[in-house]
Amino acid sequence: MSFWVISYHINFHMDDGTTITRNDMRSTEDPKVNSEKKAKKWLLDKYHNSSDPMVDMSNLFVGIENEEIIIDEIIHNTESFE
């Protein structure tokens, strides 16, 4: 089975003028995600429509002015783990 791995980071622009960057990655084996474009859409839908934090939010809940997600890399893995 193939799957997509998406690495990304979120820049948090704090109300004190600083920027904090947090990185993470997600993977999907959803058969509907069959292109890089759909993998990107899948991640952005999770970002915009989920209450699940996309990165470690420790020390970030107070003072966030705005944030932006940036996709760093999308990898399509077709190798078997058997």
C-alpha atoms as a PDB file:
ATOM      1  CA  MET A   1       0.000   0.000   0.000  1.00  0.00           C
ATOM      2  CA  SER A   2       1.260   3.473  -0.780  1.00  0.00           C
ATOM      3  CA  PHE A   3       0.976   6.494   1.452  1.00  0.00           C
ATOM      4  CA  TRP A   4       1.835  10.178   1.521  1.00  0.00           C
ATOM      5  CA  VAL A   5       4.085  11.867   4.057  1.00  0.00           C
ATOM      6  CA  ILE A   6       3.762  15.617   4.409  1.00  0.00           C
ATOM      7  CA  SER A   7       6.257  17.653   6.408  1.00  0.00           C
ATOM      8  CA  TYR A   8       5.320  21.198   7.325  1.00  0.00           C
ATOM      9  CA  HIS A   9       5.920  23.994   9.768  1.00  0.00           C
ATOM     10  CA  ILE A  10       3.735  26.657  11.291  1.00  0.00           C
ATOM     11  CA  ASN A  11       5.002  30.155  11.950  1.00  0.00           C
ATOM     12  CA  PHE A  12       3.273  31.695  14.944  1.00  0.00           C
ATOM     13  CA  HIS A  13       3.448  35.488  14.914  1.00  0.00           C
ATOM     14  CA  MET A  14       3.152  36.499  18.540  1.00  0.00           C
ATOM     15  CA  ASP A  15       1.597  39.722  19.792  1.00  0.00           C
ATOM     16  CA  ASP A  16       5.002  40.822  21.155  1.00  0.00           C
ATOM     17  CA  GLY A  17       6.431  40.902  17.596  1.00  0.00           C
ATOM     18  CA  THR A  18       8.348  37.611  17.769  1.00  0.00           C
ATOM     19  CA  THR A  19       7.831  34.582  15.542  1.00  0.00           C
ATOM     20  CA  ILE A  20       7.935  31.022  16.834  1.00  0.00           C
ATOM     21  CA  THR A  21       8.229  28.160  14.348  1.00  0.00           C
ATOM     22  CA  ARG A  22       7.070  24.626  15.117  1.00  0.00           C
ATOM     23  CA  ASN A  23       7.586  21.631  12.775  1.00  0.00           C
ATOM     24  CA  ASP A  24       5.748  18.345  12.346  1.00  0.00           C
ATOM     25  CA  MET A  25       4.686  15.798   9.751  1.00  0.00           C
ATOM     26  CA  ARG A  26       1.583  13.779   8.968  1.00  0.00           C
ATOM     27  CA  SER A  27       0.953  10.764   6.812  1.00  0.00           C
ATOM     28  CA  THR A  28      -2.143   9.455   5.104  1.00  0.00           C
ATOM     29  CA  GLU A  29      -3.031   6.116   3.555  1.00  0.00           C
ATOM     30  CA  ASP A  30      -6.405   7.371   2.354  1.00  0.00           C
ATOM     31  CA  PRO A  31      -6.960   5.848  -1.116  1.00  0.00           C
ATOM     32  CA  LYS A  32      -8.707   9.071  -2.189  1.00  0.00           C
ATOM     33  CA  VAL A  33      -5.402  10.904  -1.720  1.00  0.00           C
ATOM     34  CA  ASN A  34      -3.740   9.807  -4.950  1.00  0.00           C
ATOM     35  CA  SER A  35      -1.733  12.872  -5.979  1.00  0.00           C
ATOM     36  CA  GLU A  36       0.532  15.481  -4.447  1.00  0.00           C
ATOM     37  CA  LYS A  37      -2.168  18.096  -4.943  1.00  0.00           C
ATOM     38  CA  LYS A  38      -4.704  15.977  -3.015  1.00  0.00           C
ATOM     39  CA  ALA A  39      -2.150  15.312  -0.260  1.00  0.00           C
ATOM     40  CA  LYS A  40      -1.673  19.066   0.142  1.00  0.00           C
ATOM     41  CA  LYS A  41      -5.450  19.603   0.199  1.00  0.00           C
ATOM     42  CA  TRP A  42      -5.824  16.802   2.777  1.00  0.00           C
ATOM     43  CA  LEU A  43      -3.327  18.470   5.114  1.00  0.00           C
ATOM     44  CA  LEU A  44      -4.776  21.956   4.678  1.00  0.00           C
ATOM     45  CA  ASP A  45      -8.292  20.607   5.366  1.00  0.00           C
ATOM     46  CA  LYS A  46      -6.962  19.097   8.623  1.00  0.00           C
ATOM     47  CA  TYR A  47      -5.323  22.404   9.495  1.00  0.00           C
ATOM     48  CA  HIS A  48      -8.417  24.508   8.851  1.00  0.00           C
ATOM     49  CA  ASN A  49     -11.150  22.118  10.014  1.00  0.00           C
ATOM     50  CA  SER A  50      -9.759  20.201  12.980  1.00  0.00           C
ATOM     51  CA  SER A  51      -9.514  21.043  16.650  1.00  0.00           C
ATOM     52  CA  ASP A  52      -6.482  18.733  16.891  1.00  0.00           C
ATOM     53  CA  PRO A  53      -3.285  20.815  17.215  1.00  0.00           C
ATOM     54  CA  MET A  54      -1.040  20.357  14.182  1.00  0.00           C
ATOM     55  CA  VAL A  55       2.170  21.029  16.180  1.00  0.00           C
ATOM     56  CA  ASP A  56       3.351  21.124  19.781  1.00  0.00           C
ATOM     57  CA  MET A  57       1.449  24.035  21.297  1.00  0.00           C
ATOM     58  CA  SER A  58       3.255  24.222  24.652  1.00  0.00           C
ATOM     59  CA  ASN A  59       3.792  27.837  25.687  1.00  0.00           C
ATOM     60  CA  LEU A  60       1.852  29.116  22.664  1.00  0.00           C
ATOM     61  CA  PHE A  61      -1.765  29.434  23.797  1.00  0.00           C
ATOM     62  CA  VAL A  62      -1.440  33.055  24.903  1.00  0.00           C
ATOM     63  CA  GLY A  63      -0.346  35.885  22.684  1.00  0.00           C
ATOM     64  CA  ILE A  64      -0.698  34.458  19.158  1.00  0.00           C
ATOM     65  CA  GLU A  65      -1.553  37.282  16.780  1.00  0.00           C
ATOM     66  CA  ASN A  66      -1.742  35.050  13.683  1.00  0.00           C
ATOM     67  CA  GLU A  67      -0.186  31.963  12.192  1.00  0.00           C
ATOM     68  CA  GLU A  68       0.685  30.500   8.818  1.00  0.00           C
ATOM     69  CA  ILE A  69       1.226  26.906   7.748  1.00  0.00           C
ATOM     70  CA  ILE A  70       3.951  26.149   5.212  1.00  0.00           C
ATOM     71  CA  ILE A  71       4.309  22.764   3.539  1.00  0.00           C
ATOM     72  CA  ASP A  72       7.970  21.839   3.289  1.00  0.00           C
ATOM     73  CA  GLU A  73       7.829  18.511   1.469  1.00  0.00           C
ATOM     74  CA  ILE A  74       5.372  15.918   0.209  1.00  0.00           C
ATOM     75  CA  ILE A  75       6.657  12.392  -0.329  1.00  0.00           C
ATOM     76  CA  HIS A  76       4.762   9.580  -2.000  1.00  0.00           C
ATOM     77  CA  ASN A  77       5.992   6.311  -0.536  1.00  0.00           C
ATOM     78  CA  THR A  78       5.205   3.209  -2.562  1.00  0.00           C
ATOM     79  CA  GLU A  79       7.659   0.852  -0.895  1.00  0.00           C
ATOM     80  CA  SER A  80       6.381  -2.190   0.930  1.00  0.00           C
ATOM     81  CA  PHE A  81       7.433  -2.812   4.517  1.00  0.00           C
ATOM     82  CA  GLU A  82       7.245  -6.596   4.201  1.00  0.00           C
END
